Protein backbone atom coordinates (compact mmCIF):
# COMPACT_ATOMS: atom_id res chain seq x y z
CA MET A 1 -1.14 20.39 -10.48
CA ILE A 2 -2.69 16.68 -9.34
CA LYS A 3 0.01 16.78 -6.18
CA HIS A 4 -0.55 19.61 -5.55
CA LEU A 5 -3.91 19.94 -5.25
CA LEU A 6 -3.33 15.91 -3.73
CA SER A 7 -1.36 17.90 -1.35
CA ILE A 8 -3.01 20.24 0.05
CA LEU A 9 -6.08 17.75 0.54
CA ALA A 10 -3.61 15.53 2.60
CA THR A 11 -3.21 19.15 4.58
CA CYS A 12 -6.73 20.03 5.06
CA ALA A 13 -7.89 16.18 6.03
CA LEU A 14 -4.82 16.31 8.74
CA ALA A 15 -6.26 19.66 10.05
CA PHE A 16 -9.76 18.51 10.10
CA ALA A 17 -8.32 15.36 12.35
CA ALA A 18 -6.22 17.96 14.86
CA ALA A 19 -9.57 20.21 15.58
CA PRO A 20 -11.44 19.54 19.02
CA ALA A 21 -13.81 17.65 18.74
CA GLN A 22 -16.67 19.25 20.75
CA ALA A 23 -18.68 16.66 22.54
CA ASP A 24 -21.80 16.60 21.25
CA ASP A 25 -19.48 15.38 17.95
CA TYR A 26 -19.17 11.88 20.67
CA GLN A 27 -22.34 11.22 21.33
CA ASN A 28 -23.10 11.63 17.13
CA THR A 29 -20.44 9.46 16.39
CA ILE A 30 -21.11 7.06 18.81
CA ASN A 31 -24.79 7.50 17.25
CA VAL A 32 -23.83 6.13 13.50
CA PHE A 33 -22.08 3.20 15.18
CA LYS A 34 -24.91 2.20 17.10
CA LYS A 35 -27.07 2.58 13.91
CA ALA A 36 -25.56 0.44 12.39
CA VAL A 37 -25.75 -2.93 12.22
CA GLU A 38 -22.59 -4.37 11.92
CA SER A 39 -21.64 -2.70 14.97
CA ALA A 40 -24.14 -2.04 17.47
CA ALA A 41 -24.56 -5.71 19.28
CA PHE A 42 -21.53 -4.73 20.26
CA PHE A 43 -23.00 -1.66 22.73
CA ASN A 44 -24.70 -4.36 24.25
CA SER A 45 -21.83 -7.18 25.50
CA ALA A 46 -18.76 -4.72 25.71
CA TYR A 47 -16.75 -3.96 28.66
CA GLY A 48 -16.18 -0.80 26.81
CA TYR A 49 -14.84 1.21 23.73
CA ALA A 50 -12.26 4.18 22.80
CA VAL A 51 -14.54 6.22 19.91
CA PHE A 52 -13.03 8.82 17.85
CA PRO A 53 -14.85 11.02 15.59
CA THR A 54 -12.63 12.55 12.59
CA ILE A 55 -9.53 10.30 12.02
CA GLY A 56 -6.89 12.97 9.38
CA LYS A 57 -4.61 11.09 6.91
CA GLY A 58 -2.52 12.45 4.74
CA GLY A 59 0.48 11.63 2.87
CA ALA A 60 2.60 10.70 -0.46
CA VAL A 61 4.71 8.33 -0.30
CA VAL A 62 5.43 8.89 4.01
CA GLY A 63 2.02 9.92 4.64
CA GLY A 64 0.74 9.69 8.42
CA ALA A 65 -2.58 9.47 10.28
CA TYR A 66 -3.60 11.81 13.57
CA GLY A 67 -7.35 11.47 16.03
CA LYS A 68 -8.10 12.06 19.40
CA GLY A 69 -10.59 9.93 21.04
CA ARG A 70 -12.54 9.29 24.13
CA VAL A 71 -12.55 6.26 25.86
CA TYR A 72 -15.75 4.69 27.43
CA ALA A 73 -16.48 1.40 29.65
CA LYS A 74 -19.29 0.60 31.23
CA GLY A 75 -20.85 3.26 29.40
CA LYS A 76 -18.69 5.78 31.47
CA TYR A 77 -16.59 8.37 29.92
CA VAL A 78 -12.95 7.30 31.61
CA GLY A 79 -10.42 9.41 29.81
CA ASP A 80 -8.95 10.33 26.62
CA THR A 81 -7.30 9.14 23.84
CA SER A 82 -4.81 9.95 20.96
CA MET A 83 -4.64 7.54 17.32
CA THR A 84 -1.57 8.03 16.04
CA GLN A 85 0.05 6.63 12.79
CA LEU A 86 3.02 6.77 9.96
CA THR A 87 3.45 4.76 6.77
CA ALA A 88 5.71 3.96 4.62
CA GLY A 89 4.53 3.01 0.88
CA PHE A 90 2.73 3.52 -2.77
CA GLN A 91 0.40 5.87 -1.49
CA LEU A 92 -1.12 9.74 -2.25
CA GLY A 93 -4.18 12.27 -1.08
CA GLY A 94 -5.98 12.55 2.23
CA GLN A 95 -8.94 11.27 3.59
CA ALA A 96 -11.47 11.41 7.05
CA PHE A 97 -12.69 8.95 9.28
CA SER A 98 -14.69 8.14 12.09
CA GLN A 99 -13.34 4.59 13.69
CA ILE A 100 -14.89 3.06 17.56
CA ILE A 101 -12.44 0.04 19.21
CA PHE A 102 -14.70 -2.09 21.09
CA PHE A 103 -13.41 -3.40 24.26
CA GLU A 104 -15.29 -7.49 24.88
CA ASP A 105 -13.84 -7.77 29.04
CA GLU A 106 -12.00 -5.98 31.38
CA ARG A 107 -8.92 -7.46 30.74
CA SER A 108 -8.86 -6.22 26.94
CA PHE A 109 -10.13 -2.27 28.54
CA LYS A 110 -7.22 -2.70 31.00
CA GLU A 111 -4.44 -4.13 27.90
CA PHE A 112 -5.54 -0.58 25.94
CA THR A 113 -5.47 1.52 28.39
CA GLY A 114 -3.13 0.33 30.66
CA GLY A 115 -0.29 3.08 28.50
CA ASN A 116 1.20 2.58 24.59
CA PHE A 117 -0.83 0.55 22.93
CA GLU A 118 -0.08 -0.38 19.21
CA PHE A 119 -2.08 -1.86 16.33
CA GLY A 120 -0.67 -3.21 14.19
CA ALA A 121 1.08 -3.90 10.57
CA GLU A 122 -2.54 -2.63 8.16
CA ALA A 123 -3.60 -2.91 4.15
CA SER A 124 -5.85 -0.64 3.02
CA ALA A 125 -7.63 1.01 0.03
CA VAL A 126 -9.55 3.83 -0.23
CA ALA A 127 -12.11 6.02 -1.79
CA ILE A 128 -14.42 8.89 -1.15
CA THR A 129 -16.69 7.51 1.33
CA ALA A 130 -16.67 4.88 0.52
CA ALA A 131 -13.79 2.76 2.61
CA ALA A 132 -11.89 -1.16 2.46
CA GLY A 133 -9.66 -2.14 4.82
CA ALA A 134 -8.28 -5.43 5.86
CA GLN A 135 -5.64 -5.38 9.45
CA ALA A 136 -3.21 -7.62 10.19
CA ASN A 137 -2.47 -6.66 13.98
CA THR A 138 0.07 -8.56 16.02
CA THR A 139 -2.07 -7.05 19.60
CA GLY A 140 -5.67 -6.84 17.77
CA SER A 141 -8.20 -5.81 15.63
CA SER A 142 -9.74 -6.02 12.87
CA ALA A 143 -10.60 -6.25 9.58
CA SER A 144 -13.57 -2.80 8.57
CA ALA A 145 -15.15 -1.42 5.30
CA SER A 146 -17.86 0.94 4.82
CA ALA A 147 -20.47 2.38 2.64
CA GLY A 148 -21.66 5.61 4.20
CA GLN A 149 -22.69 7.89 7.76
CA ASN A 150 -25.48 4.74 8.05
CA ASP A 151 -23.60 1.23 7.63
CA ALA A 152 -20.18 1.05 9.78
CA LYS A 153 -19.17 -2.80 8.47
CA ALA A 154 -16.73 -5.14 10.30
CA VAL A 155 -15.73 -9.09 10.04
CA GLY A 156 -18.27 -8.65 12.90
CA LYS A 157 -16.06 -11.10 15.70
CA TYR A 158 -13.61 -9.86 18.73
CA HIS A 159 -10.60 -10.54 17.80
CA LYS A 160 -7.83 -10.24 21.06
CA GLY A 161 -10.28 -8.82 22.52
CA MET A 162 -10.82 -5.69 20.67
CA ALA A 163 -13.38 -5.44 17.68
CA THR A 164 -12.85 -2.44 15.57
CA PHE A 165 -14.85 0.12 12.84
CA THR A 166 -13.95 2.32 10.38
CA VAL A 167 -16.77 5.35 9.30
CA ALA A 168 -15.76 6.74 6.23
CA LYS A 169 -16.13 10.81 5.77
CA GLY A 170 -14.86 12.04 2.79
CA GLY A 171 -11.40 12.35 1.33
CA LEU A 172 -9.74 10.24 -1.71
CA MET A 173 -6.78 8.85 -0.67
CA TYR A 174 -4.89 5.01 -2.75
CA GLN A 175 -2.54 3.76 -0.49
CA ALA A 176 -1.09 0.62 0.00
CA THR A 177 1.43 0.88 2.62
CA VAL A 178 2.85 -0.52 5.39
CA GLY A 179 2.50 0.99 9.08
CA GLY A 180 0.84 0.74 12.47
CA GLN A 181 -1.98 2.43 14.96
CA LYS A 182 -0.64 3.34 18.08
CA PHE A 183 -2.38 5.16 20.76
CA ASN A 184 -1.81 6.74 24.41
CA TYR A 185 -4.52 7.23 27.24
CA THR A 186 -4.62 9.03 29.70
CA PRO A 187 -7.58 9.24 32.28
CA ALA A 188 -9.87 11.43 33.38
CA ASN A 189 -9.72 14.00 35.85
CA LYS A 190 -11.61 12.29 38.97
C-alpha cells in the first residue's frame, strides 16, 4: 500500500514539473532566489543564470527528474533549457523543487549553452520541504540545501564557473543515488 502511494506521489511530482511554466513562474522563482541571503549576491556579479521554477523528481529504485527553464545573460532572457536526470540506487518517493544555476563568466555561460551539458555524480537526502544535497561533479556545480521558500542555501561560491542553488517545494523522497543532471539549450527566437 505504501509503495503504491509513493508511486502515485512520484508520478504526480513528475507530472507537475512537466506542466508548462508561465512567465510569472520564472519571475516568482527568480524573486525567491533574490530574497535568499545565500544566493542574492550572485545576481549582481554573475554573467548569467538558468532558472527552473519546478523540477519534479521521483523514483522507486530507478528514478528520474525533469524540468523546463529559461536562460538569462546579463539580465536578459536568451533561451530555453530543459533538465533530465536518470538515477539508480536506493530511492523511494517524489519531490518538487526549484533550481538556479549561476554562470560566473562568459566561458561558463558558453559551456552551458554550447549544446548538451551535464553535471556529474550526485548524492542527496530529501524530506518534505527540507532538503540537503552534496554534489561531486565533473563539470561543475556546488552543494545545496534548503529549509523553505525563503531560505535557499548553498556553498556560496563558484565551482568551475558555476554555482547551483535549490529550494524544496514539496514532496517526500528518500534516496542515496548516483546520477547526473543533463541539460539541453535552445536559443530564443529573435
